């Protein structure tokens, strides 16, 4: 991934990111120069797509093109399609993994691996009032968490934060990529994630809906 490009969480940034991703000859292409500045969940979703591409190179039958196309549609609203689930407030990545049964969701720093997807909440608010960050976990050293994402204000790159500044943390690990083939069975909309824009939620609700465990 490149470095920099700046941070932008506006609708214009979402539209640019959507137009920069395309499915060509069965391969998802990313034109990050065209996307320019972007936002955290957009950055981690690009990593998710690249992970799937690497897996498909090893196993061409993992995800047929016809079922892969849905992953390349980034113009969805929060809670809709695949990207809209990922990009939603709250536990977007974790809810997607739980629904597809393609991965595990947990909260233990001690059992996190570099490369795990990670959602952090800076306050106790979950849903419409939340302040959070979607990142790729890189490791912990003492009280410091290291991660990669599109960060404010510089954009793509690595950053560190003290655990004491994080109110909630949720790790998601892709453990069963063969289940991604079932993405076409998902409903066009996820009402639970759509409501994240309008309602407040409790951690208990999040835990139940995403099958969260303390450890893997």
Protein backbone atom coordinates (compact mmCIF):
# COMPACT_ATOMS: atom_id res chain seq x y z
CA UNK A 1 0.00 0.00 0.00
CA UNK A 2 1.17 3.56 -0.60
CA UNK A 3 1.88 6.11 2.12
CA UNK A 4 0.09 9.37 2.66
CA UNK A 5 -2.58 10.71 0.25
CA UNK A 6 -4.38 12.43 3.13
CA UNK A 7 -7.50 11.62 5.15
CA UNK A 8 -11.03 12.36 3.97
CA UNK A 9 -14.23 10.77 5.31
CA UNK A 10 -16.66 12.76 3.16
CA UNK A 11 -19.19 11.29 0.73
CA UNK A 12 -16.96 12.54 -2.07
CA UNK A 13 -14.17 10.33 -0.73
CA UNK A 14 -16.53 7.34 -0.66
CA UNK A 15 -17.52 8.03 -4.27
CA UNK A 16 -13.88 8.34 -5.36
CA UNK A 17 -12.99 5.08 -3.68
CA UNK A 18 -15.94 3.32 -5.31
CA UNK A 19 -14.93 4.53 -8.78
CA UNK A 20 -11.29 3.52 -8.21
CA UNK A 21 -12.13 -0.18 -7.69
CA UNK A 22 -13.18 -2.33 -10.63
CA UNK A 23 -13.47 -5.99 -11.62
CA UNK A 24 -11.49 -6.67 -14.81
CA UNK A 25 -11.03 -10.15 -16.27
CA UNK A 26 -11.91 -11.72 -12.95
CA UNK A 27 -9.42 -9.59 -10.98
CA UNK A 28 -10.26 -6.67 -8.72
CA UNK A 29 -8.18 -3.63 -9.66
CA UNK A 30 -7.44 -0.74 -7.32
CA UNK A 31 -6.40 2.68 -8.65
CA UNK A 32 -5.42 4.35 -5.40
CA UNK A 33 -3.97 7.40 -7.14
CA UNK A 34 -7.43 8.10 -8.50
CA UNK A 35 -9.02 7.57 -5.09
CA UNK A 36 -6.53 9.98 -3.44
CA UNK A 37 -7.38 10.80 0.18
CA UNK A 38 -9.60 8.24 1.87
CA UNK A 39 -10.92 7.01 5.23
CA UNK A 40 -10.14 4.18 7.66
CA UNK A 41 -12.79 1.59 6.79
CA UNK A 42 -12.17 2.18 3.10
CA UNK A 43 -8.47 1.48 3.61
CA UNK A 44 -9.03 -1.74 5.56
CA UNK A 45 -11.59 -2.92 3.00
CA UNK A 46 -8.95 -2.53 0.28
CA UNK A 47 -6.70 -4.80 2.34
CA UNK A 48 -9.57 -7.27 2.65
CA UNK A 49 -9.93 -7.32 -1.15
CA UNK A 50 -6.19 -7.79 -1.63
CA UNK A 51 -6.23 -10.66 0.86
CA UNK A 52 -8.97 -12.37 -1.13
CA UNK A 53 -7.01 -11.83 -4.37
CA UNK A 54 -3.94 -13.50 -2.87
CA UNK A 55 -6.05 -16.44 -1.74
CA UNK A 56 -7.62 -16.74 -5.18
CA UNK A 57 -4.18 -16.86 -6.79
CA UNK A 58 -3.45 -19.94 -4.70
CA UNK A 59 -6.87 -21.50 -5.26
CA UNK A 60 -8.76 -20.35 -8.35
CA UNK A 61 -11.93 -22.12 -7.21
CA UNK A 62 -12.09 -20.26 -3.90
CA UNK A 63 -14.45 -17.55 -5.11
CA UNK A 64 -15.82 -17.70 -8.69
CA UNK A 65 -15.95 -14.40 -10.56
CA UNK A 66 -19.72 -14.34 -10.60
CA UNK A 67 -19.84 -14.40 -6.81
CA UNK A 68 -16.79 -12.17 -6.41
CA UNK A 69 -18.35 -9.25 -8.27
CA UNK A 70 -20.44 -8.25 -5.26
CA UNK A 71 -17.27 -7.54 -3.26
CA UNK A 72 -16.13 -4.98 -5.86
CA UNK A 73 -19.23 -2.77 -5.53
CA UNK A 74 -18.14 -0.01 -3.17
CA UNK A 75 -20.94 2.45 -3.88
CA UNK A 76 -23.27 0.99 -1.24
CA UNK A 77 -24.74 2.93 1.67
CA UNK A 78 -23.99 1.96 5.26
CA UNK A 79 -25.46 -1.46 6.02
CA UNK A 80 -26.01 -2.37 2.36
CA UNK A 81 -24.24 -4.99 0.25
CA UNK A 82 -20.74 -6.11 1.33
CA UNK A 83 -18.87 -2.83 1.51
CA UNK A 84 -21.78 -1.03 3.16
CA UNK A 85 -21.71 -3.60 5.95
CA UNK A 86 -17.94 -3.16 6.38
CA UNK A 87 -18.22 0.65 6.29
CA UNK A 88 -21.07 0.92 8.79
CA UNK A 89 -20.73 2.34 12.27
CA UNK A 90 -20.28 -0.20 15.04
CA UNK A 91 -18.96 -3.70 14.32
CA UNK A 92 -19.25 -3.72 10.51
CA UNK A 93 -16.38 -6.11 9.83
CA UNK A 94 -17.24 -8.37 12.77
CA UNK A 95 -20.93 -8.61 11.79
CA UNK A 96 -19.97 -9.53 8.21
CA UNK A 97 -17.57 -12.24 9.40
CA UNK A 98 -20.16 -13.62 11.83
CA UNK A 99 -22.91 -13.72 9.19
CA UNK A 100 -20.67 -15.43 6.62
CA UNK A 101 -19.06 -17.69 9.26
CA UNK A 102 -15.77 -16.89 7.57
CA UNK A 103 -13.91 -15.70 10.66
CA UNK A 104 -13.79 -15.16 14.41
CA UNK A 105 -14.37 -12.07 16.55
CA UNK A 106 -12.71 -11.54 19.92
CA UNK A 107 -11.48 -8.86 22.34
CA UNK A 108 -8.22 -10.20 23.82
CA UNK A 109 -5.05 -8.26 23.04
CA UNK A 110 -3.05 -11.29 24.20
CA UNK A 111 -4.45 -13.46 21.41
CA UNK A 112 -4.35 -10.92 18.58
CA UNK A 113 -2.01 -11.52 15.63
CA UNK A 114 -0.43 -8.94 13.34
CA UNK A 115 -2.75 -8.74 10.34
CA UNK A 116 -6.00 -9.07 12.30
CA UNK A 117 -8.68 -6.54 11.44
CA UNK A 118 -9.36 -4.31 14.44
CA UNK A 119 -12.07 -1.82 15.39
CA UNK A 120 -11.38 0.68 18.17
CA UNK A 121 -13.86 2.93 19.94
CA UNK A 122 -12.49 6.11 21.50
CA UNK A 123 -15.60 6.58 23.68
CA UNK A 124 -18.26 4.28 25.15
CA UNK A 125 -20.78 5.43 22.55
CA UNK A 126 -21.65 2.80 19.92
CA UNK A 127 -23.80 3.66 16.95
CA UNK A 128 -24.93 7.15 15.95
CA UNK A 129 -22.69 9.03 18.42
CA UNK A 130 -19.62 6.80 18.22
CA UNK A 131 -16.08 7.81 17.47
CA UNK A 132 -14.05 4.87 16.22
CA UNK A 133 -11.30 3.68 13.93
CA UNK A 134 -10.98 0.67 11.59
CA UNK A 135 -7.38 -0.59 11.34
CA UNK A 136 -5.03 -3.49 10.66
CA UNK A 137 -3.45 -4.60 13.93
CA UNK A 138 0.38 -4.76 13.85
CA UNK A 139 1.26 -5.57 17.46
CA UNK A 140 1.36 -4.43 21.08
CA UNK A 141 4.38 -3.23 23.03
CA UNK A 142 3.62 -2.46 26.64
CA UNK A 143 0.71 -0.02 26.65
CA UNK A 144 1.15 0.87 22.99
CA UNK A 145 -0.95 -0.56 20.14
CA UNK A 146 0.58 -0.34 16.66
CA UNK A 147 -1.66 -0.39 13.61
CA UNK A 148 -1.99 0.50 9.93
CA UNK A 149 -4.90 2.36 8.34
CA UNK A 150 -5.86 5.60 6.66
CA UNK A 151 -5.19 7.89 9.61
CA UNK A 152 -5.97 11.54 10.23
CA UNK A 153 -4.44 13.74 8.86
CA UNK A 154 -1.78 12.10 6.64
CA UNK A 155 -3.67 9.11 5.25
CA UNK A 156 -2.22 5.64 4.62
CA UNK A 157 0.42 4.69 7.16
CA UNK A 158 1.27 3.24 10.56
CA UNK A 159 0.43 4.78 13.91
CA UNK A 160 0.47 3.96 17.63
CA UNK A 161 -1.92 4.67 20.49
CA UNK A 162 -2.03 3.86 24.19
CA UNK A 163 -4.45 1.13 25.24
CA UNK A 164 -5.74 3.46 27.92
CA UNK A 165 -7.23 5.71 25.21
CA UNK A 166 -9.33 2.87 23.78
CA UNK A 167 -12.73 2.20 25.43
CA UNK A 168 -13.65 -0.89 23.38
CA UNK A 169 -11.65 -3.04 20.99
CA UNK A 170 -12.83 -5.76 18.63
CA UNK A 171 -10.57 -8.03 16.57
CA UNK A 172 -11.79 -9.94 13.50
CA UNK A 173 -9.71 -12.69 11.89
CA UNK A 174 -10.43 -14.35 8.55
CA UNK A 175 -10.10 -18.05 9.37
CA UNK A 176 -12.38 -19.80 6.89
CA UNK A 177 -12.16 -17.96 3.53
CA UNK A 178 -14.04 -20.78 1.77
CA UNK A 179 -17.20 -19.40 3.40
CA UNK A 180 -16.83 -16.14 1.45
CA UNK A 181 -18.53 -17.93 -1.43
CA UNK A 182 -21.80 -17.57 0.52
CA UNK A 183 -21.73 -13.78 0.30
CA UNK A 184 -24.28 -13.91 -2.52
CA UNK A 185 -26.77 -15.29 0.00
CA UNK A 186 -26.66 -12.15 2.15
CA UNK A 187 -29.68 -9.89 1.99
CA UNK A 188 -29.15 -6.57 0.17
CA UNK A 189 -29.49 -4.75 3.50
CA UNK A 190 -28.52 -5.40 7.12
CA UNK A 191 -31.05 -3.53 9.28
CA UNK A 192 -28.90 -3.88 12.41
CA UNK A 193 -25.96 -2.07 10.78
CA UNK A 194 -28.21 0.45 9.01
CA UNK A 195 -29.58 1.47 12.42
CA UNK A 196 -26.06 2.30 13.61
CA UNK A 197 -26.49 5.69 11.91
CA UNK A 198 -29.66 6.48 13.86
CA UNK A 199 -29.59 4.62 17.17
CA UNK A 200 -27.38 3.98 20.17
CA UNK A 201 -26.30 0.41 20.97
CA UNK A 202 -24.83 -1.40 23.96
CA UNK A 203 -21.76 -3.61 23.99
CA UNK A 204 -23.99 -6.54 24.93
CA UNK A 205 -26.00 -6.08 21.74
CA UNK A 206 -22.78 -5.96 19.73
CA UNK A 207 -21.42 -9.09 21.42
CA UNK A 208 -24.57 -11.10 20.76
CA UNK A 209 -24.99 -10.08 17.12
CA UNK A 210 -21.34 -10.69 16.24
CA UNK A 211 -20.72 -13.82 18.36
CA UNK A 212 -17.84 -12.10 20.13
CA UNK A 213 -15.62 -14.06 22.50
CA UNK A 214 -13.00 -12.81 24.93
CA UNK A 215 -10.38 -14.92 23.11
CA UNK A 216 -10.27 -16.99 19.89
